[in-house]
Every structure is written in structure tokens, then in C-alpha cells.
Amino acid sequence: MKGPFNTTFEVKEERPERAVLGVGSFEQHSAHLPLETDYYFAEKISYETAAGIDAFYLNPLPYSVSLEHIDFPGTVLLKPDTLKRVIRDISESLHKWGISYFAIVNFHGGNFILNPVVREWNMDKKLPHIILVDFFSGLKGMAPNLHAGEVETSMMLYFKPENVRKDRLQDFIPERERSDLTHFGMKNISPEGLWGNASEASAAKGKRWISMGVDYCMEKIRNTEKYFKKIYGE
């Protein structure tokens, strides 16, 4: 990987063609995982993704749209319109110094606003071309572990086991559908803020899911970039 660059001179000399930004969150992750769980994943995994495709690595966003978790102490969020403006501002900044492809890797399921803002930008044919990647879409066999369950707990056990309160692991699968988070929020569906089987987590599973997810992100970015070039003759 040519980056991450930490001086203007390095950016000028290397002229990176693509950039990668992870989008995390700062929200409750039940009683056993830290508030910055999604941000931590965004930091580590977007770096690995950027390294694998020779991209410029951007520090990930620590806050995003966590409206469904606002009833839990500690959750800090951005409103959808705020995140939309942040993405557009970053995109415009990257365009000014020559980035052609901007990959956004999302690590929080509540960031629905990312899809319309990226779609609007691309349909307006603005540069850089934005590629939206959902990290968890690349994982196989993770349902019904939607939040702080087996998957996220396993990933944290692999990355940083001291961040996991093993004495607080529990299992809970709500009776409601995921779409009901829009109606009721997490607190009214899962009082402990859990959706999955955290007790089934292991570092070995985490390593496998992380590797699977990084491979998925890299392939998604490469494939989408290739099609942009085909369409626009770049």
C-alpha cells in the first residue's frame, strides 16, 4: 500500500486514485461491548481494505445515524441530514486534489441515508465516483446476530479481547422483525440492547468473518470501479 499518507508532500507525489472511508458509530452495544465498537471495526477493517487495494486511507467517522439506540445512555448520534452533508463535504474535498474513486465502507446498519446520498451524487455524475459497501453484507451465516451478538462479539474477541466483558455475555433474539427498529427503537424491542447470541462468540469465528468481510469489500470496490471505467471510458 502506498498510504496512509501523513504529509501533503506524500499525497502530491503518490497521486492516489482511490480513497477508502469507514463509517462507524458511537452507540450502545449491550452490556459486554464498548460504545465505540463499530468505530473500532471501521478503523481496523477499512485500513486493511485500503491496504489491499492500494487506496488512500481516511480516518473513519466515529459518529453516524444511531437514532434507534438513543434511549440508551452513552449513545451519540448524527441526524441523517448531517451525515449526508458530511459525506458530500468529504467527497468535494477529495475531488479538489484528484481522487477518482471514493469507497465508503459502512459498519452501522442504521445508516440508511448513505444509499440516497451516494445515489444522488453518482446520478448527478459528480466526481469522485462514490462506491458504497456494506461490510456486513459480505458475511455468511450471521443472522439473526444483528447487534452485539455472535458476529460483533467474535470480531472484538479477535481484535481486542480485553474490550469484551465475558462475564456479561448473554443471548437474546427479539420477537419483532428488524424493520420494527424504525417503529419502536432498540430499547423497546431488546431492553439490554442485544440482538443475537453473544455466548456463542469466539476469536476464531471473528478471524474468519473479518477475513471474509475484507475480501468482500476489496472485491466490491474493484468490481464497481471497473464498471465505472467501462461506462465512462476512463
Protein backbone atom coordinates (compact mmCIF):
# COMPACT_ATOMS: atom_id res chain seq x y z
CA MET A 1 0.00 0.00 0.00
CA LYS A 2 1.26 3.49 -0.81
CA GLY A 3 -0.67 5.10 2.03
CA PRO A 4 -1.73 6.12 4.54
CA PHE A 5 -0.02 9.41 3.82
CA ASN A 6 0.59 11.89 6.61
CA THR A 7 2.04 14.85 4.71
CA THR A 8 0.76 16.92 1.83
CA PHE A 9 4.01 16.18 0.01
CA GLU A 10 3.38 12.43 0.06
CA VAL A 11 -0.14 12.85 -1.28
CA LYS A 12 1.15 15.13 -4.04
CA GLU A 13 3.93 12.75 -5.04
CA GLU A 14 1.96 9.48 -4.95
CA ARG A 15 -1.24 10.82 -6.56
CA PRO A 16 -3.60 8.16 -5.14
CA GLU A 17 -6.51 7.31 -7.46
CA ARG A 18 -8.90 5.94 -4.84
CA ALA A 19 -9.74 6.56 -1.19
CA VAL A 20 -11.44 4.47 1.49
CA LEU A 21 -13.53 5.82 4.37
CA GLY A 22 -15.00 3.65 7.11
CA VAL A 23 -18.22 4.81 8.79
CA GLY A 24 -18.64 3.65 12.36
CA SER A 25 -20.88 4.76 15.21
CA PHE A 26 -20.83 5.60 18.91
CA GLU A 27 -23.73 3.66 20.39
CA GLN A 28 -24.65 1.08 22.97
CA HIS A 29 -23.56 -2.49 22.28
CA SER A 30 -25.32 -4.20 25.17
CA ALA A 31 -23.50 -4.76 28.46
CA HIS A 32 -20.43 -6.54 27.13
CA LEU A 33 -19.10 -4.44 24.22
CA PRO A 34 -17.88 -0.81 24.23
CA LEU A 35 -19.74 2.15 22.75
CA GLU A 36 -17.07 2.58 20.05
CA THR A 37 -17.43 -0.99 18.73
CA ASP A 38 -18.49 0.00 15.21
CA TYR A 39 -15.86 2.73 15.06
CA TYR A 40 -13.17 0.28 16.12
CA PHE A 41 -14.17 -2.10 13.34
CA ALA A 42 -14.31 0.76 10.85
CA GLU A 43 -10.79 1.81 11.80
CA LYS A 44 -9.20 -1.63 11.59
CA ILE A 45 -11.08 -3.11 8.65
CA SER A 46 -11.17 -0.06 6.39
CA TYR A 47 -7.39 0.18 6.87
CA GLU A 48 -6.96 -3.45 5.79
CA THR A 49 -9.25 -2.85 2.84
CA ALA A 50 -7.35 0.26 1.77
CA ALA A 51 -4.06 -1.58 2.10
CA GLY A 52 -5.31 -4.42 -0.07
CA ILE A 53 -6.36 -2.19 -2.98
CA ASP A 54 -3.61 0.43 -2.76
CA ALA A 55 -6.00 3.17 -1.66
CA PHE A 56 -5.66 6.35 0.35
CA TYR A 57 -6.90 5.63 3.89
CA LEU A 58 -9.13 8.23 5.53
CA ASN A 59 -9.71 8.27 9.27
CA PRO A 60 -13.16 6.75 9.81
CA LEU A 61 -16.20 8.65 11.02
CA PRO A 62 -16.78 7.92 14.73
CA TYR A 63 -20.42 9.09 14.73
CA SER A 64 -23.36 8.31 12.46
CA VAL A 65 -27.15 7.80 12.47
CA SER A 66 -27.87 5.84 15.67
CA LEU A 67 -31.43 7.05 16.24
CA GLU A 68 -32.68 3.57 17.18
CA HIS A 69 -30.26 3.46 20.13
CA ILE A 70 -30.83 6.94 21.54
CA ASP A 71 -32.71 5.64 24.62
CA PHE A 72 -29.51 4.02 25.90
CA PRO A 73 -27.05 6.18 27.91
CA GLY A 74 -23.82 6.95 26.09
CA THR A 75 -25.18 6.87 22.55
CA VAL A 76 -24.13 9.90 20.50
CA LEU A 77 -25.54 10.35 17.01
CA LEU A 78 -25.69 12.46 13.88
CA LYS A 79 -29.01 13.26 12.24
CA PRO A 80 -29.42 11.84 8.71
CA ASP A 81 -29.11 15.25 7.06
CA THR A 82 -25.90 15.90 8.98
CA LEU A 83 -24.29 12.68 7.80
CA LYS A 84 -25.43 13.47 4.27
CA ARG A 85 -23.68 16.84 4.39
CA VAL A 86 -20.54 15.29 5.87
CA ILE A 87 -20.30 12.74 3.06
CA ARG A 88 -20.81 15.40 0.41
CA ASP A 89 -18.21 17.70 2.00
CA ILE A 90 -15.64 14.89 2.14
CA SER A 91 -16.38 13.94 -1.47
CA GLU A 92 -15.88 17.53 -2.63
CA SER A 93 -12.60 17.75 -0.72
CA LEU A 94 -11.30 14.57 -2.36
CA HIS A 95 -12.28 15.84 -5.80
CA LYS A 96 -10.24 19.01 -5.38
CA TRP A 97 -6.98 17.08 -5.24
CA GLY A 98 -7.70 14.37 -7.75
CA ILE A 99 -9.31 11.30 -6.15
CA SER A 100 -11.31 9.46 -8.83
CA TYR A 101 -12.99 6.75 -6.74
CA PHE A 102 -14.23 7.15 -3.18
CA ALA A 103 -15.23 3.96 -1.36
CA ILE A 104 -17.40 4.29 1.74
CA VAL A 105 -17.41 1.15 3.89
CA ASN A 106 -20.36 1.16 6.28
CA PHE A 107 -20.27 -0.66 9.64
CA HIS A 108 -23.58 0.51 11.13
CA GLY A 109 -26.94 -0.83 9.95
CA GLY A 110 -28.86 2.35 10.75
CA ASN A 111 -27.10 4.49 8.14
CA PHE A 112 -29.87 4.25 5.54
CA ILE A 113 -29.14 7.81 4.42
CA LEU A 114 -25.89 6.67 2.81
CA ASN A 115 -27.72 4.98 -0.05
CA PRO A 116 -29.70 8.01 -1.29
CA VAL A 117 -26.80 10.45 -0.83
CA VAL A 118 -24.46 8.22 -2.83
CA ARG A 119 -27.13 7.56 -5.45
CA GLU A 120 -27.85 11.27 -5.85
CA TRP A 121 -24.14 12.08 -6.17
CA ASN A 122 -23.49 9.40 -8.77
CA MET A 123 -26.62 10.12 -10.81
CA ASP A 124 -25.51 13.75 -10.98
CA LYS A 125 -22.25 12.38 -12.48
CA LYS A 126 -20.12 14.17 -9.94
CA LEU A 127 -16.54 13.20 -9.14
CA PRO A 128 -15.18 11.26 -7.44
CA HIS A 129 -17.38 8.29 -8.24
CA ILE A 130 -18.64 7.02 -4.88
CA ILE A 131 -18.73 3.30 -4.15
CA LEU A 132 -20.90 2.25 -1.19
CA VAL A 133 -20.02 -1.01 0.54
CA ASP A 134 -21.83 -2.56 3.50
CA PHE A 135 -19.28 -4.65 5.39
CA PHE A 136 -21.79 -6.99 7.00
CA SER A 137 -23.37 -7.84 3.64
CA GLY A 138 -20.22 -9.78 2.88
CA LEU A 139 -20.56 -12.13 5.85
CA LYS A 140 -22.20 -15.53 5.53
CA GLY A 141 -24.29 -17.10 8.26
CA MET A 142 -24.56 -14.12 10.59
CA ALA A 143 -28.35 -13.87 11.00
CA PRO A 144 -30.01 -13.43 13.46
CA ASN A 145 -26.99 -11.74 15.05
CA LEU A 146 -27.88 -8.17 14.17
CA HIS A 147 -26.39 -6.27 17.09
CA ALA A 148 -23.79 -7.12 19.75
CA GLY A 149 -24.38 -10.82 19.09
CA GLU A 150 -22.13 -13.63 17.96
CA VAL A 151 -20.60 -11.79 15.00
CA GLU A 152 -19.59 -8.48 16.57
CA THR A 153 -18.54 -10.15 19.81
CA SER A 154 -16.40 -12.66 17.88
CA MET A 155 -14.77 -9.89 15.88
CA MET A 156 -13.91 -7.97 19.04
CA LEU A 157 -12.58 -11.13 20.70
CA TYR A 158 -10.19 -11.48 17.78
CA PHE A 159 -9.16 -7.83 17.50
CA LYS A 160 -9.09 -6.79 21.15
CA PRO A 161 -10.38 -9.40 23.65
CA GLU A 162 -9.84 -7.08 26.61
CA ASN A 163 -12.71 -4.97 25.23
CA VAL A 164 -15.18 -7.82 25.81
CA ARG A 165 -16.82 -8.24 29.22
CA LYS A 166 -17.05 -12.03 29.13
CA ASP A 167 -18.86 -12.07 32.48
CA ARG A 168 -21.79 -10.23 30.86
CA LEU A 169 -22.33 -12.33 27.72
CA GLN A 170 -25.95 -13.28 27.07
CA ASP A 171 -28.28 -14.35 24.29
CA PHE A 172 -31.47 -12.65 23.14
CA ILE A 173 -33.41 -12.84 19.88
CA PRO A 174 -36.33 -10.34 19.87
CA GLU A 175 -39.77 -11.43 18.74
CA ARG A 176 -40.11 -8.43 16.46
CA GLU A 177 -38.69 -8.01 12.95
CA ARG A 178 -35.67 -5.85 12.24
CA SER A 179 -37.88 -3.31 10.48
CA ASP A 180 -39.60 -2.62 13.81
CA LEU A 181 -36.50 -0.78 14.97
CA THR A 182 -37.95 2.06 12.89
CA HIS A 183 -41.22 1.87 14.84
CA PHE A 184 -40.07 1.27 18.40
CA GLY A 185 -36.28 1.66 18.68
CA MET A 186 -33.96 -0.92 20.21
CA LYS A 187 -34.80 -0.27 23.87
CA ASN A 188 -38.45 -1.29 23.45
CA ILE A 189 -37.55 -4.42 21.49
CA SER A 190 -34.48 -5.53 23.42
CA PRO A 191 -34.13 -3.90 26.86
CA GLU A 192 -30.47 -4.98 27.10
CA GLY A 193 -29.65 -3.69 23.62
CA LEU A 194 -28.80 -7.14 22.30
CA TRP A 195 -29.92 -8.94 19.14
CA GLY A 196 -28.11 -12.27 18.84
CA ASN A 197 -26.22 -14.99 20.66
CA ALA A 198 -23.18 -13.39 22.22
CA SER A 199 -22.36 -16.52 24.25
CA GLU A 200 -21.54 -18.39 21.02
CA ALA A 201 -18.77 -15.96 20.06
CA SER A 202 -15.13 -16.93 19.66
CA ALA A 203 -11.94 -15.30 18.40
CA ALA A 204 -11.62 -18.00 15.71
CA LYS A 205 -15.04 -17.09 14.32
CA GLY A 206 -14.12 -13.44 14.45
CA LYS A 207 -10.94 -14.00 12.46
CA ARG A 208 -12.89 -15.90 9.79
CA TRP A 209 -15.61 -13.25 9.50
CA ILE A 210 -13.10 -10.40 9.33
CA SER A 211 -11.14 -12.11 6.57
CA MET A 212 -14.36 -12.85 4.69
CA GLY A 213 -15.53 -9.26 5.08
CA VAL A 214 -12.26 -7.65 3.98
CA ASP A 215 -12.19 -9.87 0.87
CA TYR A 216 -15.76 -8.89 0.11
CA CYS A 217 -15.03 -5.16 0.50
CA MET A 218 -11.99 -5.28 -1.76
CA GLU A 219 -13.79 -7.24 -4.46
CA LYS A 220 -16.86 -5.00 -4.29
CA ILE A 221 -14.71 -1.88 -4.71
CA ARG A 222 -12.61 -3.35 -7.53
CA ASN A 223 -15.65 -4.65 -9.41
CA THR A 224 -17.62 -1.40 -9.10
CA GLU A 225 -14.64 0.72 -10.07
CA LYS A 226 -14.09 -1.47 -13.13
CA TYR A 227 -17.69 -0.92 -14.22
CA PHE A 228 -17.43 2.84 -13.72
CA LYS A 229 -14.44 2.79 -16.06
CA LYS A 230 -16.34 0.72 -18.60
CA ILE A 231 -19.35 3.04 -18.58
CA TYR A 232 -17.44 6.31 -18.74
CA GLY A 233 -14.46 5.11 -20.77
CA GLU A 234 -11.97 6.03 -18.08
